Amino acid sequence: MPGVCPPFPFTNHLSTRSAVKKSKIAVVCSARSGVSKAGGTTNRLLRAARDAARNPPADYRSITTKLREEHIQAGGCITSPEIRQHFNIHIDALFDELSQVLDSAPKSAVVDPAYGDRVISVGEKLSASLLTALLEDRGIPSQYIDLSDAINFLVPDRLSPEFYQNLSSCFRKRLLTSEGHVPVITGFFGKIPGGLVNRLGRGYSDLCAALVAVALQATELQVWKEVDGVFTADPRKVPTARLLPTLTPSEAGELTFYGSEVIHNLTLEQLGRPRIPIRIKNVLRPHGAGTIIQPDDLGDSSSRENQYAAPKPLRPKRPTAVTVKEQITVLNIHSNRKLDSPDFLAKICTIASSHGLAIDLIEKGECTVSLALHNSRPVSSPPWSSPPTSTSNNNSNNNSNHGGGGDIVDTAINPGSRSREITSRYRIQDENLRVAVRELEEYGRVDVVHGMAILSLIGMGLKRSVGIAYKFLGALASNNINVEMLSQGGSEISIAAVIEQREALRALSVVHSELFTYD
């Protein structure tokens, strides 16, 4: 490979030998998936890490034994006895290393980030080892490249653009050693203070692929999933959803933010300036066209010259997609005075941020501020649910606001009630939310509305599309679906409504039917 790599297609999956012969290809591997998310390699490794960190440790060996058996079985299709033996030896070595890490796990109720990263990095190493062996078995010279120790520079507290540039340069140096071979790369990379998963999220292998694509000046990044591409709605929930041939990076980013698992947002950022398109394809149907995310036209000088021109109203058009984000909790902060203090919103947001609460939407009235918060796990439980069994001594001196699963908030709202009655008892399970509510009560009464979802309409130019908001809200209103909050002004390409989560599937269907299926 020359010192300055020529542009070449880049993919994280290979389907045929002809694809390799026709173009130079690099491969980034994520951990193997399962029938369900819980059954995927990464999730099971995380369970093993938690079980090993308990005091006393739980039985984590059954998880690692099963994972080893599955990967050895997957390598059963390797026809060369020599390559298969080498693969089995490598797999055994990885599980021996994993056992040592788990056996020496720091005992804690919360998994140490560095320890957790060492455990889950094994998932990408296993899949990269398997793919390297399969390619070699088919006569394709391949090289296994482990990026788990690739970071050789000081990682700043803030992961700035410079950090990602340095990271891409590190990857490039590693990849230059694969002259004449297909590099098969672990999607898990480097040791980052605070943990790779904690700092970057679970889409780190997509990000790794993007950084490698930038390092190699790729002409295209292909991300292979178990779906045909991106649809107008989740096809598992809306059978009439259609495959989208193209998306803009902005639309893909909004869809990811509002609940659709399109692609890691940092992946889109890395590929924006080098203008590398992303193609999402189905690993089970490799000949399908998929969905391509075309880069924005950053180099168009005319668009820069006209950026301050008055926007032109657009004719009514179909939006691009509709999506739902569940597990939303709404906090309504009612003040007994007008909220005209310039730093009031800043104080509210600071409290939420200091307790790790992600604000998806915010709405401000004269005396009320509403926050829509998202958490990947339930942060509250309705007052009619049974509290978890407590082993603590429940004597009469205990604070009555700490019974069972958490604080009892007198002003919580039951969304299941059509009359929107205030319930007298309500349990907040999440400690961060519990403390945040206490601090917010210094500014007024706080209502906690649980069991909500955000329904979002995504599409370029929606803000300037005459009548689109009317059709969106009209579809909900005609089906008696109430809107708790509404947001449009903050984004040129989305309209978001907070609704009851129990109505989410019906809302998704009716909006798709009204706005996506007309002629």
Protein backbone atom coordinates (compact mmCIF):
# COMPACT_ATOMS: atom_id res chain seq x y z
CA MET A 1 0.00 0.00 0.00
CA PRO A 2 1.54 3.36 -0.97
CA GLY A 3 2.31 6.01 1.62
CA VAL A 4 -0.67 8.08 0.53
CA CYS A 5 -3.58 5.71 0.15
CA PRO A 6 -5.66 6.20 -3.00
CA PRO A 7 -9.39 6.42 -2.40
CA PHE A 8 -10.98 2.99 -2.13
CA PRO A 9 -14.33 1.57 -1.04
CA PHE A 10 -14.53 0.71 2.64
CA THR A 11 -16.90 -1.80 4.23
CA ASN A 12 -17.45 -3.57 7.53
CA HIS A 13 -18.73 -6.75 5.86
CA LEU A 14 -17.66 -8.93 2.92
CA SER A 15 -20.17 -11.02 1.01
CA THR A 16 -18.20 -12.42 -1.96
CA ARG A 17 -14.62 -12.96 -3.08
CA SER A 18 -15.28 -10.90 -6.21
CA ALA A 19 -15.93 -7.81 -4.08
CA VAL A 20 -12.44 -8.10 -2.63
CA LYS A 21 -10.77 -8.63 -6.01
CA LYS A 22 -12.60 -5.70 -7.58
CA SER A 23 -11.78 -3.10 -4.91
CA LYS A 24 -9.49 -2.56 -1.95
CA ILE A 25 -11.55 -3.20 1.15
CA ALA A 26 -11.00 -2.84 4.89
CA VAL A 27 -13.30 -4.47 7.45
CA VAL A 28 -14.31 -3.24 10.92
CA CYS A 29 -16.06 -5.83 13.10
CA SER A 30 -18.59 -5.31 15.85
CA ALA A 31 -19.35 -8.12 18.30
CA ARG A 32 -21.67 -10.86 17.02
CA SER A 33 -25.36 -10.17 17.57
CA GLY A 34 -27.96 -12.57 18.89
CA VAL A 35 -31.60 -13.32 18.21
CA SER A 36 -32.40 -10.48 20.62
CA LYS A 37 -30.38 -7.55 21.95
CA ALA A 38 -30.10 -9.24 25.33
CA GLY A 39 -28.64 -12.31 23.63
CA GLY A 40 -25.92 -10.39 21.80
CA THR A 41 -22.27 -10.94 22.67
CA THR A 42 -21.71 -7.47 24.16
CA ASN A 43 -24.74 -7.64 26.46
CA ARG A 44 -23.75 -11.09 27.72
CA LEU A 45 -20.19 -9.92 28.35
CA LEU A 46 -21.57 -6.99 30.34
CA ARG A 47 -23.66 -9.42 32.41
CA ALA A 48 -20.55 -11.51 33.05
CA ALA A 49 -18.66 -8.37 34.11
CA ARG A 50 -21.42 -7.42 36.58
CA ASP A 51 -21.69 -10.97 37.95
CA ALA A 52 -17.94 -11.22 38.49
CA ALA A 53 -17.87 -7.83 40.27
CA ARG A 54 -20.44 -8.90 42.85
CA ASN A 55 -19.36 -9.78 46.37
CA PRO A 56 -19.55 -12.74 46.46
CA PRO A 57 -19.27 -13.25 42.67
CA ALA A 58 -22.21 -14.79 40.81
CA ASP A 59 -21.79 -17.61 38.28
CA TYR A 60 -20.35 -15.83 35.26
CA ARG A 61 -18.52 -18.86 33.86
CA SER A 62 -21.70 -20.26 32.33
CA ILE A 63 -21.91 -17.10 30.17
CA THR A 64 -18.30 -17.26 28.97
CA THR A 65 -18.48 -21.02 28.39
CA LYS A 66 -21.55 -20.60 26.19
CA LEU A 67 -19.94 -17.73 24.24
CA ARG A 68 -16.83 -19.80 23.60
CA GLU A 69 -18.91 -22.75 22.36
CA GLU A 70 -20.87 -20.50 19.99
CA HIS A 71 -17.75 -18.97 18.43
CA ILE A 72 -16.02 -22.34 18.05
CA GLN A 73 -19.21 -23.66 16.42
CA ALA A 74 -19.34 -20.64 14.08
CA GLY A 75 -15.80 -21.52 12.98
CA GLY A 76 -16.96 -25.00 12.03
CA CYS A 77 -17.47 -23.86 8.43
CA ILE A 78 -13.72 -23.30 8.03
CA THR A 79 -12.65 -26.06 5.64
CA SER A 80 -8.88 -25.90 6.16
CA PRO A 81 -7.86 -27.99 9.21
CA GLU A 82 -4.78 -25.83 9.72
CA ILE A 83 -6.68 -22.53 9.66
CA ARG A 84 -9.42 -23.95 11.88
CA GLN A 85 -6.86 -25.17 14.43
CA HIS A 86 -5.16 -21.77 14.46
CA PHE A 87 -8.57 -20.11 14.92
CA ASN A 88 -9.52 -22.40 17.82
CA ILE A 89 -6.18 -21.71 19.53
CA HIS A 90 -6.74 -17.94 19.20
CA ILE A 91 -10.29 -18.21 20.57
CA ASP A 92 -9.05 -20.23 23.57
CA ALA A 93 -6.35 -17.62 24.23
CA LEU A 94 -8.96 -14.81 24.19
CA PHE A 95 -11.19 -16.65 26.68
CA ASP A 96 -8.22 -17.46 28.92
CA GLU A 97 -7.42 -13.74 28.99
CA LEU A 98 -11.10 -12.94 29.66
CA SER A 99 -11.20 -15.40 32.58
CA GLN A 100 -8.18 -13.73 34.17
CA VAL A 101 -9.84 -10.31 33.88
CA LEU A 102 -13.12 -11.59 35.37
CA ASP A 103 -11.39 -13.52 38.17
CA SER A 104 -9.62 -10.33 39.26
CA ALA A 105 -12.68 -8.08 38.92
CA PRO A 106 -12.83 -5.18 41.40
CA LYS A 107 -15.76 -5.91 43.72
CA SER A 108 -18.30 -3.12 43.43
CA ALA A 109 -22.02 -2.61 42.87
CA VAL A 110 -21.11 -0.35 39.94
CA VAL A 111 -18.87 -1.82 37.24
CA ASP A 112 -15.54 0.02 36.96
CA PRO A 113 -15.41 1.56 33.44
CA ALA A 114 -11.87 0.42 32.65
CA TYR A 115 -12.62 -3.12 33.83
CA GLY A 116 -15.90 -3.18 31.88
CA ASP A 117 -14.12 -2.04 28.72
CA ARG A 118 -11.52 -4.82 29.02
CA VAL A 119 -14.33 -7.36 29.24
CA ILE A 120 -16.51 -6.17 26.36
CA SER A 121 -13.53 -5.59 24.05
CA VAL A 122 -13.32 -9.38 23.77
CA GLY A 123 -16.54 -9.37 21.68
CA GLU A 124 -14.97 -7.45 18.79
CA LYS A 125 -11.76 -9.50 19.04
CA LEU A 126 -13.78 -12.72 18.68
CA SER A 127 -15.70 -11.56 15.60
CA ALA A 128 -12.57 -10.14 13.94
CA SER A 129 -10.73 -13.42 14.59
CA LEU A 130 -13.59 -15.38 13.03
CA LEU A 131 -13.83 -13.22 9.92
CA THR A 132 -10.05 -13.24 9.41
CA ALA A 133 -10.05 -17.05 9.49
CA LEU A 134 -13.03 -17.29 7.11
CA LEU A 135 -11.38 -14.98 4.57
CA GLU A 136 -8.08 -16.86 4.75
CA ASP A 137 -9.99 -20.12 4.29
CA ARG A 138 -11.43 -18.74 1.04
CA GLY A 139 -8.05 -17.75 -0.31
CA ILE A 140 -8.25 -14.04 0.57
CA PRO A 141 -5.09 -12.83 2.33
CA SER A 142 -6.25 -11.11 5.53
CA GLN A 143 -4.70 -9.56 8.61
CA TYR A 144 -6.24 -9.37 12.08
CA ILE A 145 -5.71 -5.90 13.57
CA ASP A 146 -6.47 -5.28 17.25
CA LEU A 147 -7.11 -1.59 17.99
CA SER A 148 -7.89 -2.06 21.70
CA ASP A 149 -4.52 -0.51 22.58
CA ALA A 150 -4.28 1.89 19.65
CA ILE A 151 -4.39 5.16 21.61
CA ASN A 152 -0.80 6.26 22.22
CA PHE A 153 -1.44 9.89 23.17
CA LEU A 154 -2.90 11.76 26.15
CA VAL A 155 -6.70 11.72 26.00
CA PRO A 156 -8.21 15.10 26.98
CA ASP A 157 -11.18 15.45 29.32
CA ARG A 158 -13.18 16.88 26.43
CA LEU A 159 -13.19 14.74 23.30
CA SER A 160 -12.67 17.54 20.81
CA PRO A 161 -12.36 17.27 16.99
CA GLU A 162 -8.59 17.21 17.49
CA PHE A 163 -8.94 14.02 19.53
CA TYR A 164 -10.73 12.26 16.67
CA GLN A 165 -8.15 13.51 14.17
CA ASN A 166 -5.35 12.09 16.33
CA LEU A 167 -7.27 8.85 16.68
CA SER A 168 -7.71 8.52 12.93
CA SER A 169 -3.97 9.10 12.46
CA CYS A 170 -3.21 6.32 14.96
CA PHE A 171 -5.48 3.96 13.03
CA ARG A 172 -3.78 4.86 9.77
CA LYS A 173 -0.35 3.92 11.13
CA ARG A 174 -1.68 0.55 12.26
CA LEU A 175 -3.34 -0.13 8.92
CA LEU A 176 -0.21 0.62 6.89
CA THR A 177 1.17 -2.69 8.18
CA SER A 178 -1.47 -4.67 6.24
CA GLU A 179 0.16 -4.29 2.80
CA GLY A 180 -1.36 -6.81 0.38
CA HIS A 181 -3.92 -8.05 2.90
CA VAL A 182 -7.51 -7.22 3.80
CA PRO A 183 -7.29 -5.57 7.23
CA VAL A 184 -9.88 -7.06 9.61
CA ILE A 185 -10.17 -4.58 12.46
CA THR A 186 -11.69 -4.75 15.94
CA GLY A 187 -14.45 -2.17 16.31
CA PHE A 188 -13.43 -1.65 19.94
CA PHE A 189 -10.55 0.80 20.12
CA GLY A 190 -8.26 2.17 22.78
CA LYS A 191 -8.39 2.94 26.45
CA ILE A 192 -10.20 6.16 27.26
CA PRO A 193 -10.40 7.60 30.81
CA GLY A 194 -13.93 7.07 32.07
CA GLY A 195 -14.45 4.14 29.71
CA LEU A 196 -15.09 3.91 25.97
CA VAL A 197 -18.73 2.87 26.39
CA ASN A 198 -19.41 5.54 29.04
CA ARG A 199 -17.85 8.31 26.97
CA LEU A 200 -18.97 7.34 23.45
CA GLY A 201 -21.93 4.96 23.87
CA ARG A 202 -22.64 1.56 22.40
CA GLY A 203 -22.21 2.67 18.77
CA TYR A 204 -18.44 2.84 19.10
CA SER A 205 -17.82 0.28 16.32
CA ASP A 206 -19.67 2.54 13.82
CA LEU A 207 -17.46 5.40 14.98
CA CYS A 208 -14.35 3.25 14.60
CA ALA A 209 -15.40 2.41 11.03
CA ALA A 210 -15.83 6.11 10.25
CA LEU A 211 -12.40 6.98 11.64
CA VAL A 212 -10.79 4.19 9.60
CA ALA A 213 -12.65 5.41 6.51
CA VAL A 214 -11.24 8.90 7.06
CA ALA A 215 -7.75 7.49 7.68
CA LEU A 216 -7.83 5.56 4.40
CA GLN A 217 -9.58 8.28 2.37
CA ALA A 218 -12.34 5.84 1.51
CA THR A 219 -14.84 6.49 -1.27
CA GLU A 220 -17.68 4.92 0.73
CA LEU A 221 -18.45 3.51 4.17
CA GLN A 222 -20.85 0.57 4.20
CA VAL A 223 -22.55 -0.33 7.48
CA TRP A 224 -24.10 -3.80 7.43
CA LYS A 225 -27.03 -4.43 9.73
CA GLU A 226 -29.92 -6.90 9.87
CA VAL A 227 -32.35 -4.56 8.09
CA ASP A 228 -32.57 -3.48 4.45
CA GLY A 229 -31.78 0.13 5.30
CA VAL A 230 -33.71 3.07 6.75
CA PHE A 231 -37.51 3.09 6.40
CA THR A 232 -40.21 5.76 6.61
CA ALA A 233 -41.15 4.11 9.95
CA ASP A 234 -40.13 1.03 11.89
CA PRO A 235 -41.30 -1.79 9.55
CA ARG A 236 -41.82 -4.08 12.55
CA LYS A 237 -44.47 -1.68 13.83
CA VAL A 238 -45.80 -0.22 10.56
CA PRO A 239 -46.12 -2.87 7.82
CA THR A 240 -46.66 -0.20 5.11
CA ALA A 241 -43.31 1.51 5.85
CA ARG A 242 -41.16 2.02 2.74
CA LEU A 243 -37.41 1.79 2.26
CA LEU A 244 -35.73 5.17 1.82
CA PRO A 245 -33.15 5.18 -1.01
CA THR A 246 -31.37 8.29 0.33
CA LEU A 247 -31.08 10.40 3.48
CA THR A 248 -29.21 13.56 4.40
CA PRO A 249 -26.82 13.46 7.38
CA SER A 250 -29.12 15.89 9.21
CA GLU A 251 -32.13 13.61 8.75
CA ALA A 252 -30.11 10.57 9.83
CA GLY A 253 -28.93 12.43 12.93
CA GLU A 254 -32.46 13.47 13.90
CA LEU A 255 -33.78 9.94 13.38
CA THR A 256 -31.04 8.55 15.61
CA PHE A 257 -31.70 11.16 18.30
CA TYR A 258 -35.44 10.50 18.30
CA GLY A 259 -35.30 6.74 18.67
CA SER A 260 -34.45 5.12 15.32
CA GLU A 261 -31.22 3.15 15.43
CA VAL A 262 -29.79 4.52 12.19
CA ILE A 263 -26.14 5.25 12.94
CA HIS A 264 -23.98 6.75 15.69
CA ASN A 265 -24.15 10.57 15.53
CA LEU A 266 -20.38 10.86 15.95
CA THR A 267 -20.02 8.68 12.86
CA LEU A 268 -21.92 11.25 10.82
CA GLU A 269 -19.77 14.07 12.19
CA GLN A 270 -16.49 12.38 11.25
CA LEU A 271 -17.58 11.77 7.65
CA GLY A 272 -19.07 15.20 7.03
CA ARG A 273 -15.99 17.24 6.13
CA PRO A 274 -14.22 14.53 4.04
CA ARG A 275 -17.61 14.03 2.32
CA ILE A 276 -17.66 10.23 2.55
CA PRO A 277 -21.13 8.72 1.90
CA ILE A 278 -22.54 6.01 4.17
CA ARG A 279 -24.47 3.08 2.73
CA ILE A 280 -26.61 0.98 5.10
CA LYS A 281 -27.17 -2.56 3.82
CA ASN A 282 -28.65 -5.85 4.99
CA VAL A 283 -26.18 -8.62 5.85
CA LEU A 284 -28.89 -11.17 5.06
CA ARG A 285 -29.67 -9.60 1.65
CA PRO A 286 -26.35 -8.27 0.38
CA HIS A 287 -27.60 -7.56 -3.16
CA GLY A 288 -30.17 -5.00 -1.98
CA ALA A 289 -29.46 -1.34 -2.69
CA GLY A 290 -29.88 -0.26 0.94
CA THR A 291 -30.07 3.37 2.03
CA ILE A 292 -27.29 5.84 1.27
CA ILE A 293 -26.60 8.87 3.45
CA GLN A 294 -25.24 11.46 1.07
CA PRO A 295 -22.87 14.08 2.52
CA ASP A 296 -24.02 17.67 2.66
CA ASP A 297 -22.71 19.90 -0.11
CA LEU A 298 -20.08 21.61 2.03
CA GLY A 299 -18.12 22.81 -0.96
CA ASP A 300 -20.89 24.68 -2.73
CA SER A 301 -19.85 28.34 -2.56
CA SER A 302 -23.24 29.50 -3.82
CA SER A 303 -24.94 27.91 -0.81
CA ARG A 304 -22.56 29.80 1.52
CA GLU A 305 -23.25 33.08 -0.25
CA ASN A 306 -27.00 32.61 0.10
CA GLN A 307 -27.04 31.39 3.70
CA TYR A 308 -28.57 34.67 4.92
CA ALA A 309 -31.18 34.92 2.18
CA ALA A 310 -34.83 34.80 3.22
CA PRO A 311 -36.06 31.19 3.18
CA LYS A 312 -38.56 30.34 0.52
CA PRO A 313 -41.80 28.64 1.58
CA LEU A 314 -41.93 25.07 0.33
CA ARG A 315 -44.93 23.42 -1.19
CA PRO A 316 -46.53 20.69 0.97
CA LYS A 317 -44.41 17.56 0.71
CA ARG A 318 -44.10 14.16 2.24
CA PRO A 319 -41.81 14.10 5.26
CA THR A 320 -38.94 11.64 5.20
CA ALA A 321 -39.81 9.48 8.21
CA VAL A 322 -41.70 9.26 11.49
CA THR A 323 -40.26 7.70 14.62
CA VAL A 324 -41.01 7.15 18.31
CA LYS A 325 -38.75 7.49 21.34
CA GLU A 326 -40.14 5.78 24.43
CA GLN A 327 -39.34 5.91 28.16
CA ILE A 328 -39.86 9.67 28.42
CA THR A 329 -40.59 11.41 31.71
CA VAL A 330 -41.94 14.98 31.72
CA LEU A 331 -41.21 17.41 34.54
CA ASN A 332 -43.55 20.40 34.79
CA ILE A 333 -42.11 23.12 37.05
CA HIS A 334 -44.84 25.54 38.18
CA SER A 335 -43.51 28.79 39.63
CA ASN A 336 -45.61 31.20 41.67
CA ARG A 337 -43.90 34.09 39.89
CA LYS A 338 -43.23 35.01 36.28
CA LEU A 339 -40.27 33.18 34.79
CA ASP A 340 -38.63 36.23 33.27
CA SER A 341 -35.26 35.88 35.00
CA PRO A 342 -32.59 35.57 32.29
CA ASP A 343 -30.77 32.82 34.19
CA PHE A 344 -33.82 30.82 35.29
CA LEU A 345 -33.70 28.36 32.39
CA ALA A 346 -29.96 28.04 32.84
CA LYS A 347 -30.45 27.04 36.50
CA ILE A 348 -33.11 24.48 35.58
CA CYS A 349 -30.92 22.92 32.88
CA THR A 350 -27.89 22.94 35.16
CA ILE A 351 -29.76 20.96 37.81
CA ALA A 352 -30.86 18.37 35.24
CA SER A 353 -27.38 18.13 33.73
CA SER A 354 -25.63 17.83 37.09
CA HIS A 355 -27.68 14.70 37.81
CA GLY A 356 -27.11 13.12 34.41
CA LEU A 357 -30.65 13.73 33.13
CA ALA A 358 -30.84 14.10 29.34
CA ILE A 359 -33.27 16.83 28.22
CA ASP A 360 -34.79 15.96 24.86
CA LEU A 361 -37.34 18.78 24.67
CA ILE A 362 -38.00 21.95 26.65
CA GLU A 363 -41.05 24.24 26.67
CA LYS A 364 -41.45 27.52 28.57
CA GLY A 365 -44.58 29.43 29.44
CA GLU A 366 -45.18 32.50 31.59
CA CYS A 367 -45.10 30.56 34.87
CA THR A 368 -44.29 26.98 33.81
CA VAL A 369 -41.29 25.17 32.38
CA SER A 370 -41.69 21.64 31.00
CA LEU A 371 -38.79 19.25 30.43
CA ALA A 372 -39.02 15.98 28.51
CA LEU A 373 -36.33 13.62 29.82
CA HIS A 374 -35.18 10.32 28.39
CA ASN A 375 -33.59 7.41 30.20
CA SER A 376 -32.64 4.05 28.75
CA ARG A 377 -34.22 2.34 31.75
CA PRO A 378 -37.42 3.14 33.67
CA VAL A 379 -36.91 6.03 36.09
CA SER A 380 -40.34 5.80 37.71
CA SER A 381 -43.12 3.40 38.51
CA PRO A 382 -46.86 4.10 38.82
CA PRO A 383 -48.32 4.26 42.32
CA TRP A 384 -50.40 1.14 41.74
CA SER A 385 -47.33 -1.06 41.15
CA SER A 386 -45.94 -3.19 43.95
CA PRO A 387 -42.84 -1.75 45.60
CA PRO A 388 -39.75 -3.90 45.52
CA THR A 389 -39.09 -6.01 48.58
CA SER A 390 -36.75 -4.20 50.94
CA THR A 391 -34.38 -5.92 53.31
CA SER A 392 -33.93 -2.78 55.40
CA ASN A 393 -35.52 -2.30 58.78
CA ASN A 394 -38.83 -0.55 58.09
CA ASN A 395 -39.44 0.88 61.56
CA SER A 396 -41.70 3.79 62.31
CA ASN A 397 -38.80 6.22 62.43
CA ASN A 398 -38.08 5.80 58.71
CA ASN A 399 -38.91 8.76 56.49
CA SER A 400 -42.28 8.07 54.87
CA ASN A 401 -41.04 9.58 51.61
CA HIS A 402 -38.59 6.72 51.14
CA GLY A 403 -40.84 3.71 51.25
CA GLY A 404 -40.35 0.85 48.80
CA GLY A 405 -38.76 1.81 45.50
CA GLY A 406 -38.15 5.51 46.04
CA ASP A 407 -39.60 8.89 46.90
CA ILE A 408 -43.36 9.40 46.90
CA VAL A 409 -44.10 12.59 44.96
CA ASP A 410 -47.52 13.97 45.79
CA THR A 411 -47.83 15.94 42.57
CA ALA A 412 -47.19 13.14 40.12
CA ILE A 413 -49.64 12.67 37.28
CA ASN A 414 -51.15 9.40 36.13
CA PRO A 415 -51.10 9.51 32.31
CA GLY A 416 -53.51 6.59 32.11
CA SER A 417 -56.28 8.76 33.44
CA ARG A 418 -58.25 10.55 30.72
CA SER A 419 -59.08 13.31 33.20
CA ARG A 420 -55.39 13.86 33.96
CA GLU A 421 -56.02 13.56 37.70
CA ILE A 422 -53.25 14.27 40.17
CA THR A 423 -52.46 11.05 42.03
CA SER A 424 -51.64 11.21 45.71
CA ARG A 425 -48.79 8.70 45.66
CA TYR A 426 -46.10 8.09 43.06
CA ARG A 427 -42.81 6.21 43.19
CA ILE A 428 -39.60 7.51 41.57
CA GLN A 429 -37.06 4.73 41.19
CA ASP A 430 -34.09 6.65 39.78
CA GLU A 431 -31.89 8.30 42.39
CA ASN A 432 -30.73 11.06 40.01
CA LEU A 433 -34.30 12.02 39.14
CA ARG A 434 -35.31 11.88 42.80
CA VAL A 435 -32.59 14.33 43.87
CA ALA A 436 -33.19 16.59 40.86
CA VAL A 437 -36.90 16.88 41.70
CA ARG A 438 -36.03 17.90 45.26
CA GLU A 439 -33.73 20.65 43.97
CA LEU A 440 -36.23 21.84 41.37
CA GLU A 441 -38.91 22.17 44.06
CA GLU A 442 -36.98 25.23 45.31
CA TYR A 443 -38.35 27.02 42.23
CA GLY A 444 -41.97 25.88 42.54
CA ARG A 445 -44.25 22.84 42.43
CA VAL A 446 -42.96 19.96 40.31
CA ASP A 447 -45.28 17.55 38.51
CA VAL A 448 -43.74 14.29 37.30
CA VAL A 449 -45.54 12.85 34.28
CA HIS A 450 -44.39 9.31 33.62
CA GLY A 451 -45.05 6.83 30.83
CA MET A 452 -44.64 9.24 27.92
CA ALA A 453 -43.08 9.04 24.45
CA ILE A 454 -41.84 11.49 21.79
CA LEU A 455 -43.39 11.12 18.32
CA SER A 456 -41.20 12.88 15.75
CA LEU A 457 -41.75 13.78 12.12
CA ILE A 458 -38.45 14.12 10.23
CA GLY A 459 -37.74 15.70 6.85
CA MET A 460 -35.69 18.42 5.18
CA GLY A 461 -37.52 21.72 5.00
CA LEU A 462 -40.40 20.70 7.28
CA LYS A 463 -40.32 24.03 9.10
CA ARG A 464 -41.04 25.85 5.82
CA SER A 465 -43.51 23.29 4.44
CA VAL A 466 -46.92 24.93 4.53
CA GLY A 467 -49.57 22.84 6.27
CA ILE A 468 -47.38 19.95 7.43
CA ALA A 469 -47.80 20.72 11.16
CA TYR A 470 -51.57 20.94 10.62
CA LYS A 471 -51.66 17.49 9.03
CA PHE A 472 -49.41 16.03 11.75
CA LEU A 473 -51.48 17.36 14.64
CA GLY A 474 -54.74 16.76 12.79
CA ALA A 475 -53.92 13.06 12.40
CA LEU A 476 -53.37 12.80 16.16
CA ALA A 477 -56.44 14.85 17.08
CA SER A 478 -58.79 12.91 14.79
CA ASN A 479 -57.72 9.75 16.58
CA ASN A 480 -58.14 11.24 20.09
CA ILE A 481 -54.41 11.20 20.85
CA ASN A 482 -53.52 14.04 23.22
CA VAL A 483 -50.29 16.07 22.89
CA GLU A 484 -48.53 16.93 26.17
CA MET A 485 -45.74 19.03 24.60
CA LEU A 486 -44.91 20.24 21.09
CA SER A 487 -41.64 21.43 19.58
CA GLN A 488 -40.83 22.64 16.08
CA GLY A 489 -38.95 25.92 16.17
CA GLY A 490 -35.69 24.40 17.41
CA SER A 491 -35.12 22.33 14.29
CA GLU A 492 -35.54 22.98 10.58
CA ILE A 493 -36.19 19.31 9.90
CA SER A 494 -38.35 17.91 12.70
CA ILE A 495 -41.63 18.33 14.52
CA ALA A 496 -41.80 16.53 17.88
CA ALA A 497 -44.85 15.84 20.06
CA VAL A 498 -44.86 14.27 23.52
CA ILE A 499 -47.72 11.79 23.88
CA GLU A 500 -48.63 8.92 26.19
CA GLN A 501 -46.42 5.92 25.60
CA ARG A 502 -49.39 3.56 25.56
CA GLU A 503 -50.63 5.48 22.49
CA ALA A 504 -47.23 5.46 20.73
CA LEU A 505 -47.81 2.53 18.39
CA ARG A 506 -51.24 3.76 17.34
CA ALA A 507 -49.91 7.30 16.85
CA LEU A 508 -47.05 6.02 14.71
CA SER A 509 -49.50 4.10 12.50
CA VAL A 510 -52.03 6.89 12.04
CA VAL A 511 -49.41 9.55 11.26
CA HIS A 512 -47.71 7.26 8.75
CA SER A 513 -51.05 6.46 7.16
CA GLU A 514 -52.07 10.13 6.88
CA LEU A 515 -48.76 11.64 5.76
CA PHE A 516 -46.91 8.88 3.91
CA THR A 517 -49.47 6.88 1.95
CA TYR A 518 -51.40 9.53 0.01
CA ASP A 519 -50.83 9.96 -3.73
